[in-house]
Amino acid sequence: MIYIKSPWELEIIRKSCQIVAGLLDALEELIKPGISTLELDKFAEEYILSRGGEPSFKGYRIEGLSPFPASICTSINEQIVHGIPSNKAILKEGDIIGIDAGVYYDGYHGDSARTYKVGNISAEAEKLLQVTKESLLKGISAAITGNRVGDISHAIGSFVTSKGFYVADDLTGHGIGADLHEDPMIPNIGKAGRGPRLYAGMTIAIEPMVNIGTNSVSENGWEFKTADNSLSAHFEHTILITEGEPEILTITG
């Protein structure tokens, strides 16, 4: 079921999204060679709790897997999403790291992700990050009342492929609200004019995951990585569909 949020629900979702956005801003200052992803996770958990929220991901359950053990997902280089923080995962000069964060606040979730540079990165990695970030903006631009989910998917997928990169198979965005993952699913590739129609009051998380070498994905428990070990990047915003331009909720106001 697709939910249209009421004004008071939207005010709460805005607050949860602002905690997420502030956290992702703050993490940028910490990301440097030598820090472990477990240290980043501890910082994130303290940040979220200190602002009255709870980490949406910690304890999240999927059938067949143990509950997710951390407050954020930390995915380095060829990892696409759902990387588990560890004291053995130490960032190195030239790495890229995707951090996905969710916050549950007063009954509603916010969700966002960014891929960060660790020191100086290769020109190829720079291009990957730029294309992925731009594809997210293309998708958001298509998220207007009267369009369909397929218009978002087409905007993202056609842009990524035009740049010579690949959309990761079977990993999608989603509706968001009282549940972290609600309908509709938002694929990152598809045909324009297809899928559920978009209406003002819907809140959705758009999240292109883009690979350099292949669309194929290798799965190991929670963690997804590229099948050919090429680099992958991930950017995500929670947005509100309005009667006009979409409102990005996960940027600091």
Foldseek 3Di string as FASTA:
>chain_A
DFDFADPVLVVQQLVQLQLLLVLVVVVQVVFAFFDFQVVSQVVSQVSQVVSQWGQQQDQDDDPPAGRQHTSKWKAKFQWFTRHHTDPVHTDDQAIKIKIKTWIAHPQWIFIKIFIHHHHDHDPVVVVQRVQQVVLLVQLLQQQAAFWFLQSSLQSNQVSQVVVQWEWAPPDFKAWTGSHRHHDDTRHNHHHTRDHGGHHFRTKIKGKTKIFRPDNYWDDDRRIIGHPVSGGITMTIFIWGHHNDRIGTSNHHD
